[in-house]
Amino acid sequence: DAAANSASTASTAANTATTKAGEASDSADSAASSASAAAQSAADAEPIITSYTEFTESAQWEPAPGARWVYVEVIGGGGAGGVASSDSIRGGGGGGGAFNAGLFRAADLVTPLNIIVGAGGAGTDTAGGTGGNGGDSQFGGYLTASGGLGGTAIGGGSGGGGELGTYKIGLSTIIRPQGGFCSGGGGCSSEIGASCIKGGGGGGPGGGGTSGITIVNGGVSQDGGDGGAGGIDTAGSPGEFPGGGGGAGSGGAGNESGDGGDGRVCVWQY
């Protein structure tokens, strides 16, 4: 009987040890699972930028391996300035390129896709000439920012996004609106080019010689390129990168209007 009781006690102790070992293993597994979940939660809550690329030329693009989110900003090319047809009126500056932005799930994008960077419009030295329009910038078919329009002999080009420039006919002037948050500033034919927040600034007017005045400033942009200054008896200045409208010129050899600033596409991957 004593031997039987001793064997029973030993068996009970062994079972108890096995049970406690199992509980310790379960506790360790639970702790490991909690740690893994916490790490994943932290990763989800605080995305890390895995790459940033600024495109100043058109290219083909696809997401980096492991990227989950793609944030994109695009600015269209600025329009070039125009040239006045006579000394009695000023030509208009080019409109600034528009701004646009979007956030996408990487898995939702059909890739590879084409990135198009809108070129700035080309200036002219022809009396009464119209500056070239800025090109649209695009991130595939998902996002577009319009280019600014070229200035004309009598008026500023519209900014990308539809912000109108001013037109001066005789003594009558249509007052220029400022560009919106995303629209480029309109070019101008009477005062300085229109300013804006994210798109390119509008180009300044030129021609129509005025004693003591040699340039008229372009509009400014908080994040895009400023508009180029217009030349009264000189050439117009080019719009700044990215997307600034070119300043108007007085015309003739060496007095051409300024080119628009080229656009830009920026891509962040998370």
C-alpha atoms as a PDB file:
ATOM      1  CA  ASP A   1       0.000   0.000   0.000  1.00  0.00           C
ATOM      2  CA  ALA A   2       2.804   2.415   0.831  1.00  0.00           C
ATOM      3  CA  ALA A   3       4.420   1.732  -2.530  1.00  0.00           C
ATOM      4  CA  ALA A   4       1.107   2.317  -4.305  1.00  0.00           C
ATOM      5  CA  ASN A   5       0.544   5.592  -2.491  1.00  0.00           C
ATOM      6  CA  SER A   6       4.067   6.732  -3.349  1.00  0.00           C
ATOM      7  CA  ALA A   7       3.549   5.940  -7.030  1.00  0.00           C
ATOM      8  CA  SER A   8       0.231   7.814  -7.031  1.00  0.00           C
ATOM      9  CA  THR A   9       1.848  10.864  -5.448  1.00  0.00           C
ATOM     10  CA  ALA A  10       4.663  10.820  -8.021  1.00  0.00           C
ATOM     11  CA  SER A  11       2.127  10.561 -10.857  1.00  0.00           C
ATOM     12  CA  THR A  12       0.142  13.519  -9.499  1.00  0.00           C
ATOM     13  CA  ALA A  13       3.321  15.613  -9.245  1.00  0.00           C
ATOM     14  CA  ALA A  14       4.263  14.753 -12.824  1.00  0.00           C
ATOM     15  CA  ASN A  15       0.828  15.734 -14.102  1.00  0.00           C
ATOM     16  CA  THR A  16       0.998  19.007 -12.167  1.00  0.00           C
ATOM     17  CA  ALA A  17       4.417  19.806 -13.673  1.00  0.00           C
ATOM     18  CA  THR A  18       3.166  19.030 -17.176  1.00  0.00           C
ATOM     19  CA  THR A  19       0.145  21.279 -16.678  1.00  0.00           C
ATOM     20  CA  LYS A  20       2.292  24.176 -15.446  1.00  0.00           C
ATOM     21  CA  ALA A  21       4.705  23.718 -18.358  1.00  0.00           C
ATOM     22  CA  GLY A  22       1.774  23.906 -20.765  1.00  0.00           C
ATOM     23  CA  GLU A  23       0.475  27.039 -19.085  1.00  0.00           C
ATOM     24  CA  ALA A  24       3.920  28.655 -19.327  1.00  0.00           C
ATOM     25  CA  SER A  25       4.101  27.778 -23.021  1.00  0.00           C
ATOM     26  CA  ASP A  26       0.641  29.225 -23.644  1.00  0.00           C
ATOM     27  CA  SER A  27       1.622  32.400 -21.769  1.00  0.00           C
ATOM     28  CA  ALA A  28       4.784  32.753 -23.879  1.00  0.00           C
ATOM     29  CA  ASP A  29       2.798  32.257 -27.098  1.00  0.00           C
ATOM     30  CA  SER A  30       0.259  34.860 -25.968  1.00  0.00           C
ATOM     31  CA  ALA A  31       3.011  37.370 -25.142  1.00  0.00           C
ATOM     32  CA  ALA A  32       4.665  36.814 -28.509  1.00  0.00           C
ATOM     33  CA  SER A  33       1.337  37.257 -30.294  1.00  0.00           C
ATOM     34  CA  SER A  34       0.625  40.488 -28.383  1.00  0.00           C
ATOM     35  CA  ALA A  35       4.071  41.850 -29.202  1.00  0.00           C
ATOM     36  CA  SER A  36       3.587  41.044 -32.897  1.00  0.00           C
ATOM     37  CA  ALA A  37       0.150  42.708 -32.916  1.00  0.00           C
ATOM     38  CA  ALA A  38       1.555  45.792 -31.184  1.00  0.00           C
ATOM     39  CA  ALA A  39       4.379  46.045 -33.707  1.00  0.00           C
ATOM     40  CA  GLN A  40       1.927  45.750 -36.613  1.00  0.00           C
ATOM     41  CA  SER A  41      -0.367  48.358 -35.038  1.00  0.00           C
ATOM     42  CA  ALA A  42       2.559  50.743 -34.668  1.00  0.00           C
ATOM     43  CA  ALA A  43       3.546  50.166 -38.278  1.00  0.00           C
ATOM     44  CA  ASP A  44      -0.023  50.859 -39.426  1.00  0.00           C
ATOM     45  CA  ALA A  45      -0.296  54.006 -37.310  1.00  0.00           C
ATOM     46  CA  GLU A  46       3.025  55.514 -38.385  1.00  0.00           C
ATOM     47  CA  PRO A  47       3.703  54.925 -42.086  1.00  0.00           C
ATOM     48  CA  ILE A  48       7.319  55.365 -43.116  1.00  0.00           C
ATOM     49  CA  ILE A  49       8.257  57.034 -46.388  1.00  0.00           C
ATOM     50  CA  THR A  50      10.059  54.369 -48.376  1.00  0.00           C
ATOM     51  CA  SER A  51      10.878  56.581 -51.346  1.00  0.00           C
ATOM     52  CA  TYR A  52      10.446  60.049 -52.841  1.00  0.00           C
ATOM     53  CA  THR A  53      10.984  60.911 -56.503  1.00  0.00           C
ATOM     54  CA  GLU A  54      10.759  64.293 -58.231  1.00  0.00           C
ATOM     55  CA  PHE A  55      10.129  63.991 -61.962  1.00  0.00           C
ATOM     56  CA  THR A  56      11.222  66.901 -64.161  1.00  0.00           C
ATOM     57  CA  GLU A  57      10.985  64.831 -67.335  1.00  0.00           C
ATOM     58  CA  SER A  58       8.349  62.393 -68.535  1.00  0.00           C
ATOM     59  CA  ALA A  59       8.955  58.750 -67.558  1.00  0.00           C
ATOM     60  CA  GLN A  60       7.341  55.379 -66.924  1.00  0.00           C
ATOM     61  CA  TRP A  61       6.639  54.456 -63.298  1.00  0.00           C
ATOM     62  CA  GLU A  62       5.614  51.535 -61.092  1.00  0.00           C
ATOM     63  CA  PRO A  63       5.453  51.230 -57.294  1.00  0.00           C
ATOM     64  CA  ALA A  64       8.335  49.911 -55.226  1.00  0.00           C
ATOM     65  CA  PRO A  65       7.958  46.399 -53.754  1.00  0.00           C
ATOM     66  CA  GLY A  66       6.060  46.565 -50.467  1.00  0.00           C
ATOM     67  CA  ALA A  67       4.625  50.048 -51.019  1.00  0.00           C
ATOM     68  CA  ARG A  68       1.043  50.323 -49.722  1.00  0.00           C
ATOM     69  CA  TRP A  69       0.233  54.004 -50.365  1.00  0.00           C
ATOM     70  CA  VAL A  70       1.245  56.471 -53.076  1.00  0.00           C
ATOM     71  CA  TYR A  71       0.863  60.236 -52.676  1.00  0.00           C
ATOM     72  CA  VAL A  72       1.324  62.393 -55.794  1.00  0.00           C
ATOM     73  CA  GLU A  73       1.563  66.139 -56.485  1.00  0.00           C
ATOM     74  CA  VAL A  74       1.528  67.548 -60.026  1.00  0.00           C
ATOM     75  CA  ILE A  75       1.997  71.072 -61.422  1.00  0.00           C
ATOM     76  CA  GLY A  76       1.347  71.966 -65.056  1.00  0.00           C
ATOM     77  CA  GLY A  77       3.711  73.968 -67.241  1.00  0.00           C
ATOM     78  CA  GLY A  78       3.399  77.759 -67.275  1.00  0.00           C
ATOM     79  CA  GLY A  79       2.234  79.647 -70.348  1.00  0.00           C
ATOM     80  CA  ALA A  80       4.658  81.975 -72.145  1.00  0.00           C
ATOM     81  CA  GLY A  81       4.169  85.721 -72.296  1.00  0.00           C
ATOM     82  CA  GLY A  82       2.702  87.541 -75.288  1.00  0.00           C
ATOM     83  CA  VAL A  83       4.012  90.587 -77.154  1.00  0.00           C
ATOM     84  CA  ALA A  84       2.201  93.919 -77.548  1.00  0.00           C
ATOM     85  CA  SER A  85       1.145  94.946 -81.045  1.00  0.00           C
ATOM     86  CA  SER A  86       1.908  98.650 -80.488  1.00  0.00           C
ATOM     87  CA  ASP A  87       3.429 101.070 -77.970  1.00  0.00           C
ATOM     88  CA  SER A  88      -0.026 102.137 -76.797  1.00  0.00           C
ATOM     89  CA  ILE A  89      -0.932  98.855 -75.118  1.00  0.00           C
ATOM     90  CA  ARG A  90       0.864  96.184 -73.156  1.00  0.00           C
ATOM     91  CA  GLY A  91       1.001  92.525 -74.022  1.00  0.00           C
ATOM     92  CA  GLY A  92      -0.107  90.005 -71.418  1.00  0.00           C
ATOM     93  CA  GLY A  93       1.965  87.609 -69.311  1.00  0.00           C
ATOM     94  CA  GLY A  94       1.445  83.873 -69.438  1.00  0.00           C
ATOM     95  CA  GLY A  95      -0.782  82.040 -66.968  1.00  0.00           C
ATOM     96  CA  GLY A  96       0.757  79.846 -64.244  1.00  0.00           C
ATOM     97  CA  GLY A  97       0.343  76.081 -64.297  1.00  0.00           C
ATOM     98  CA  ALA A  98      -2.269  74.504 -62.023  1.00  0.00           C
ATOM     99  CA  PHE A  99      -1.615  72.234 -59.011  1.00  0.00           C
ATOM    100  CA  ASN A 100      -3.307  68.932 -58.199  1.00  0.00           C
ATOM    101  CA  ALA A 101      -2.702  66.127 -55.693  1.00  0.00           C
ATOM    102  CA  GLY A 102      -4.012  62.675 -54.836  1.00  0.00           C
ATOM    103  CA  LEU A 103      -3.523  59.728 -52.454  1.00  0.00           C
ATOM    104  CA  PHE A 104      -3.849  56.200 -53.872  1.00  0.00           C
ATOM    105  CA  ARG A 105      -3.624  52.610 -52.679  1.00  0.00           C
ATOM    106  CA  ALA A 106      -0.680  51.117 -54.506  1.00  0.00           C
ATOM    107  CA  ALA A 107      -2.677  47.938 -55.178  1.00  0.00           C
ATOM    108  CA  ASP A 108      -5.389  49.951 -56.974  1.00  0.00           C
ATOM    109  CA  LEU A 109      -3.026  51.446 -59.555  1.00  0.00           C
ATOM    110  CA  VAL A 110      -2.682  49.769 -62.937  1.00  0.00           C
ATOM    111  CA  THR A 111       1.052  49.855 -63.602  1.00  0.00           C
ATOM    112  CA  PRO A 112       3.428  50.536 -65.202  1.00  0.00           C
ATOM    113  CA  LEU A 113       1.934  53.944 -65.933  1.00  0.00           C
ATOM    114  CA  ASN A 114       3.172  57.024 -67.756  1.00  0.00           C
ATOM    115  CA  ILE A 115       4.203  60.176 -65.930  1.00  0.00           C
ATOM    116  CA  ILE A 116       3.922  63.247 -68.158  1.00  0.00           C
ATOM    117  CA  VAL A 117       5.691  66.458 -67.142  1.00  0.00           C
ATOM    118  CA  GLY A 118       4.157  69.461 -68.909  1.00  0.00           C
ATOM    119  CA  ALA A 119       6.692  71.717 -70.630  1.00  0.00           C
ATOM    120  CA  GLY A 120       6.531  75.475 -70.280  1.00  0.00           C
ATOM    121  CA  GLY A 121       5.196  77.388 -73.282  1.00  0.00           C
ATOM    122  CA  ALA A 122       7.670  78.984 -75.708  1.00  0.00           C
ATOM    123  CA  GLY A 123       8.011  82.768 -75.905  1.00  0.00           C
ATOM    124  CA  THR A 124       7.818  84.857 -79.075  1.00  0.00           C
ATOM    125  CA  ASP A 125       9.417  88.031 -80.462  1.00  0.00           C
ATOM    126  CA  THR A 126       6.705  88.745 -83.025  1.00  0.00           C
ATOM    127  CA  ALA A 127       4.744  91.992 -82.573  1.00  0.00           C
ATOM    128  CA  GLY A 128       1.193  91.071 -81.585  1.00  0.00           C
ATOM    129  CA  GLY A 129       2.300  87.487 -80.987  1.00  0.00           C
ATOM    130  CA  THR A 130       0.746  85.008 -78.556  1.00  0.00           C
ATOM    131  CA  GLY A 131       2.912  82.961 -76.221  1.00  0.00           C
ATOM    132  CA  GLY A 132       2.805  79.183 -76.266  1.00  0.00           C
ATOM    133  CA  ASN A 133       0.551  77.308 -73.852  1.00  0.00           C
ATOM    134  CA  GLY A 134       2.011  75.277 -71.002  1.00  0.00           C
ATOM    135  CA  GLY A 135       1.586  71.510 -71.174  1.00  0.00           C
ATOM    136  CA  ASP A 136      -0.543  69.430 -68.786  1.00  0.00           C
ATOM    137  CA  SER A 137       1.259  67.290 -66.189  1.00  0.00           C
ATOM    138  CA  GLN A 138      -0.193  63.834 -65.539  1.00  0.00           C
ATOM    139  CA  PHE A 139       0.198  60.806 -63.293  1.00  0.00           C
ATOM    140  CA  GLY A 140      -1.142  58.132 -65.614  1.00  0.00           C
ATOM    141  CA  GLY A 141      -4.870  58.590 -66.055  1.00  0.00           C
ATOM    142  CA  TYR A 142      -5.338  59.186 -62.328  1.00  0.00           C
ATOM    143  CA  LEU A 143      -4.276  62.816 -61.855  1.00  0.00           C
ATOM    144  CA  THR A 144      -3.887  65.881 -64.121  1.00  0.00           C
ATOM    145  CA  ALA A 145      -2.783  69.488 -63.606  1.00  0.00           C
ATOM    146  CA  SER A 146      -3.558  71.830 -66.491  1.00  0.00           C
ATOM    147  CA  GLY A 147      -0.927  74.060 -68.056  1.00  0.00           C
ATOM    148  CA  GLY A 148      -1.326  77.839 -68.120  1.00  0.00           C
ATOM    149  CA  LEU A 149      -2.321  79.577 -71.348  1.00  0.00           C
ATOM    150  CA  GLY A 150      -0.008  81.871 -73.258  1.00  0.00           C
ATOM    151  CA  GLY A 151      -0.422  85.639 -73.005  1.00  0.00           C
ATOM    152  CA  THR A 152      -1.700  87.587 -76.022  1.00  0.00           C
ATOM    153  CA  ALA A 153      -1.133  91.048 -77.501  1.00  0.00           C
ATOM    154  CA  ILE A 154      -3.924  92.520 -75.391  1.00  0.00           C
ATOM    155  CA  GLY A 155      -4.379  90.235 -72.414  1.00  0.00           C
ATOM    156  CA  GLY A 156      -2.864  87.851 -69.907  1.00  0.00           C
ATOM    157  CA  GLY A 157      -3.190  84.116 -70.349  1.00  0.00           C
ATOM    158  CA  SER A 158      -5.531  82.194 -68.050  1.00  0.00           C
ATOM    159  CA  GLY A 159      -3.887  80.213 -65.271  1.00  0.00           C
ATOM    160  CA  GLY A 160      -4.189  76.454 -65.292  1.00  0.00           C
ATOM    161  CA  GLY A 161      -7.498  75.615 -63.629  1.00  0.00           C
ATOM    162  CA  GLY A 162      -9.340  78.511 -65.261  1.00  0.00           C
ATOM    163  CA  GLU A 163      -8.147  81.587 -63.368  1.00  0.00           C
ATOM    164  CA  LEU A 164      -8.516  84.345 -65.947  1.00  0.00           C
ATOM    165  CA  GLY A 165      -5.860  86.904 -66.759  1.00  0.00           C
ATOM    166  CA  THR A 166      -6.634  90.619 -67.274  1.00  0.00           C
ATOM    167  CA  TYR A 167      -7.386  92.287 -70.564  1.00  0.00           C
ATOM    168  CA  LYS A 168      -6.796  95.950 -71.234  1.00  0.00           C
ATOM    169  CA  ILE A 169      -8.620  97.497 -74.165  1.00  0.00           C
ATOM    170  CA  GLY A 170      -8.189 101.235 -74.482  1.00  0.00           C
ATOM    171  CA  LEU A 171      -8.719 102.698 -71.024  1.00  0.00           C
ATOM    172  CA  SER A 172     -10.864  99.820 -69.829  1.00  0.00           C
ATOM    173  CA  THR A 173      -9.282  97.043 -67.773  1.00  0.00           C
ATOM    174  CA  ILE A 174     -10.868  93.854 -66.553  1.00  0.00           C
ATOM    175  CA  ILE A 175      -9.444  93.462 -63.051  1.00  0.00           C
ATOM    176  CA  ARG A 176      -7.358  90.338 -62.631  1.00  0.00           C
ATOM    177  CA  PRO A 177      -8.462  87.718 -60.123  1.00  0.00           C
ATOM    178  CA  GLN A 178      -5.875  86.099 -57.905  1.00  0.00           C
ATOM    179  CA  GLY A 179      -5.253  82.417 -58.498  1.00  0.00           C
ATOM    180  CA  GLY A 180      -7.050  79.975 -56.242  1.00  0.00           C
ATOM    181  CA  PHE A 181      -5.509  77.509 -53.817  1.00  0.00           C
ATOM    182  CA  CYS A 182      -4.719  75.044 -56.598  1.00  0.00           C
ATOM    183  CA  SER A 183      -5.233  77.068 -59.778  1.00  0.00           C
ATOM    184  CA  GLY A 184      -2.301  78.872 -61.372  1.00  0.00           C
ATOM    185  CA  GLY A 185      -2.346  82.679 -61.308  1.00  0.00           C
ATOM    186  CA  GLY A 186      -3.590  84.471 -64.421  1.00  0.00           C
ATOM    187  CA  GLY A 187      -1.154  86.515 -66.492  1.00  0.00           C
ATOM    188  CA  CYS A 188      -1.682  90.266 -66.656  1.00  0.00           C
ATOM    189  CA  SER A 189      -1.743  93.109 -69.185  1.00  0.00           C
ATOM    190  CA  SER A 190      -1.978  96.079 -66.837  1.00  0.00           C
ATOM    191  CA  GLU A 191      -0.619  95.399 -63.356  1.00  0.00           C
ATOM    192  CA  ILE A 192       1.530  92.645 -61.845  1.00  0.00           C
ATOM    193  CA  GLY A 193       0.664  89.022 -62.649  1.00  0.00           C
ATOM    194  CA  ALA A 194      -1.787  87.241 -60.378  1.00  0.00           C
ATOM    195  CA  SER A 195      -0.475  85.307 -57.381  1.00  0.00           C
ATOM    196  CA  CYS A 196      -1.628  81.978 -55.948  1.00  0.00           C
ATOM    197  CA  ILE A 197      -0.876  79.334 -53.308  1.00  0.00           C
ATOM    198  CA  LYS A 198       0.022  76.007 -54.933  1.00  0.00           C
ATOM    199  CA  GLY A 199       0.074  76.597 -58.713  1.00  0.00           C
ATOM    200  CA  GLY A 200       2.501  78.802 -60.654  1.00  0.00           C
ATOM    201  CA  GLY A 201       2.265  82.607 -60.517  1.00  0.00           C
ATOM    202  CA  GLY A 202       1.075  84.590 -63.552  1.00  0.00           C
ATOM    203  CA  GLY A 203       3.543  86.486 -65.749  1.00  0.00           C
ATOM    204  CA  GLY A 204       3.749  90.278 -65.774  1.00  0.00           C
ATOM    205  CA  PRO A 205       2.769  92.529 -68.735  1.00  0.00           C
ATOM    206  CA  GLY A 206       5.239  94.030 -71.183  1.00  0.00           C
ATOM    207  CA  GLY A 207       5.540  96.608 -73.977  1.00  0.00           C
ATOM    208  CA  GLY A 208       3.684  99.922 -73.984  1.00  0.00           C
ATOM    209  CA  GLY A 209       6.792 101.904 -72.987  1.00  0.00           C
ATOM    210  CA  THR A 210       6.415 104.033 -69.849  1.00  0.00           C
ATOM    211  CA  SER A 211       9.046 106.545 -68.774  1.00  0.00           C
ATOM    212  CA  GLY A 212      11.137 105.319 -65.849  1.00  0.00           C
ATOM    213  CA  ILE A 213       9.583 101.822 -65.810  1.00  0.00           C
ATOM    214  CA  THR A 214      11.525  98.921 -67.302  1.00  0.00           C
ATOM    215  CA  ILE A 215       9.783  95.843 -65.857  1.00  0.00           C
ATOM    216  CA  VAL A 216       6.456  94.863 -64.313  1.00  0.00           C
ATOM    217  CA  ASN A 217       6.651  91.994 -61.847  1.00  0.00           C
ATOM    218  CA  GLY A 218       4.987  88.639 -62.228  1.00  0.00           C
ATOM    219  CA  GLY A 219       2.784  87.104 -59.555  1.00  0.00           C
ATOM    220  CA  VAL A 220       4.219  85.080 -56.690  1.00  0.00           C
ATOM    221  CA  SER A 221       3.382  81.553 -55.571  1.00  0.00           C
ATOM    222  CA  GLN A 222       3.786  80.061 -52.119  1.00  0.00           C
ATOM    223  CA  ASP A 223       4.731  76.581 -53.358  1.00  0.00           C
ATOM    224  CA  GLY A 224       4.988  76.836 -57.156  1.00  0.00           C
ATOM    225  CA  GLY A 225       7.219  78.964 -59.356  1.00  0.00           C
ATOM    226  CA  ASP A 226       6.781  82.754 -59.504  1.00  0.00           C
ATOM    227  CA  GLY A 227       5.677  84.438 -62.700  1.00  0.00           C
ATOM    228  CA  GLY A 228       8.316  86.129 -64.823  1.00  0.00           C
ATOM    229  CA  ALA A 229       8.533  89.932 -64.998  1.00  0.00           C
ATOM    230  CA  GLY A 230       7.310  91.645 -68.148  1.00  0.00           C
ATOM    231  CA  GLY A 231       9.673  93.933 -70.064  1.00  0.00           C
ATOM    232  CA  ILE A 232       8.529  97.454 -70.967  1.00  0.00           C
ATOM    233  CA  ASP A 233      11.311  98.115 -73.484  1.00  0.00           C
ATOM    234  CA  THR A 234      13.129  94.839 -72.917  1.00  0.00           C
ATOM    235  CA  ALA A 235      12.632  91.100 -73.073  1.00  0.00           C
ATOM    236  CA  GLY A 236      10.230  89.391 -70.710  1.00  0.00           C
ATOM    237  CA  SER A 237      11.672  87.136 -67.999  1.00  0.00           C
ATOM    238  CA  PRO A 238      10.943  83.401 -68.020  1.00  0.00           C
ATOM    239  CA  GLY A 239       8.589  81.970 -65.433  1.00  0.00           C
ATOM    240  CA  GLU A 240      10.267  80.176 -62.544  1.00  0.00           C
ATOM    241  CA  PHE A 241      10.179  76.412 -62.053  1.00  0.00           C
ATOM    242  CA  PRO A 242       7.754  74.831 -61.471  1.00  0.00           C
ATOM    243  CA  GLY A 243       4.900  76.241 -63.523  1.00  0.00           C
ATOM    244  CA  GLY A 244       5.486  80.008 -63.438  1.00  0.00           C
ATOM    245  CA  GLY A 245       4.005  82.024 -66.326  1.00  0.00           C
ATOM    246  CA  GLY A 246       6.441  83.894 -68.584  1.00  0.00           C
ATOM    247  CA  GLY A 247       6.567  87.694 -68.670  1.00  0.00           C
ATOM    248  CA  ALA A 248       5.450  89.605 -71.767  1.00  0.00           C
ATOM    249  CA  GLY A 249       8.058  91.225 -74.014  1.00  0.00           C
ATOM    250  CA  SER A 250       8.115  94.500 -75.953  1.00  0.00           C
ATOM    251  CA  GLY A 251       8.822  92.660 -79.206  1.00  0.00           C
ATOM    252  CA  GLY A 252      11.586  92.663 -81.795  1.00  0.00           C
ATOM    253  CA  ALA A 253      15.005  90.999 -81.827  1.00  0.00           C
ATOM    254  CA  GLY A 254      16.236  90.480 -78.278  1.00  0.00           C
ATOM    255  CA  ASN A 255      12.972  91.671 -76.739  1.00  0.00           C
ATOM    256  CA  GLU A 256      11.030  88.436 -76.884  1.00  0.00           C
ATOM    257  CA  SER A 257       8.553  87.286 -74.276  1.00  0.00           C
ATOM    258  CA  GLY A 258       9.599  84.920 -71.493  1.00  0.00           C
ATOM    259  CA  ASP A 259       9.082  81.169 -71.671  1.00  0.00           C
ATOM    260  CA  GLY A 260       6.815  79.496 -69.128  1.00  0.00           C
ATOM    261  CA  GLY A 261       8.373  77.403 -66.344  1.00  0.00           C
ATOM    262  CA  ASP A 262       8.262  73.638 -66.818  1.00  0.00           C
ATOM    263  CA  GLY A 263       5.889  71.560 -64.713  1.00  0.00           C
ATOM    264  CA  ARG A 264       6.725  68.879 -62.150  1.00  0.00           C
ATOM    265  CA  VAL A 265       5.466  65.543 -60.781  1.00  0.00           C
ATOM    266  CA  CYS A 266       6.405  64.430 -57.232  1.00  0.00           C
ATOM    267  CA  VAL A 267       5.732  60.899 -55.944  1.00  0.00           C
ATOM    268  CA  TRP A 268       5.954  59.657 -52.335  1.00  0.00           C
ATOM    269  CA  GLN A 269       5.631  55.930 -51.551  1.00  0.00           C
ATOM    270  CA  TYR A 270       4.741  54.537 -48.114  1.00  0.00           C
END
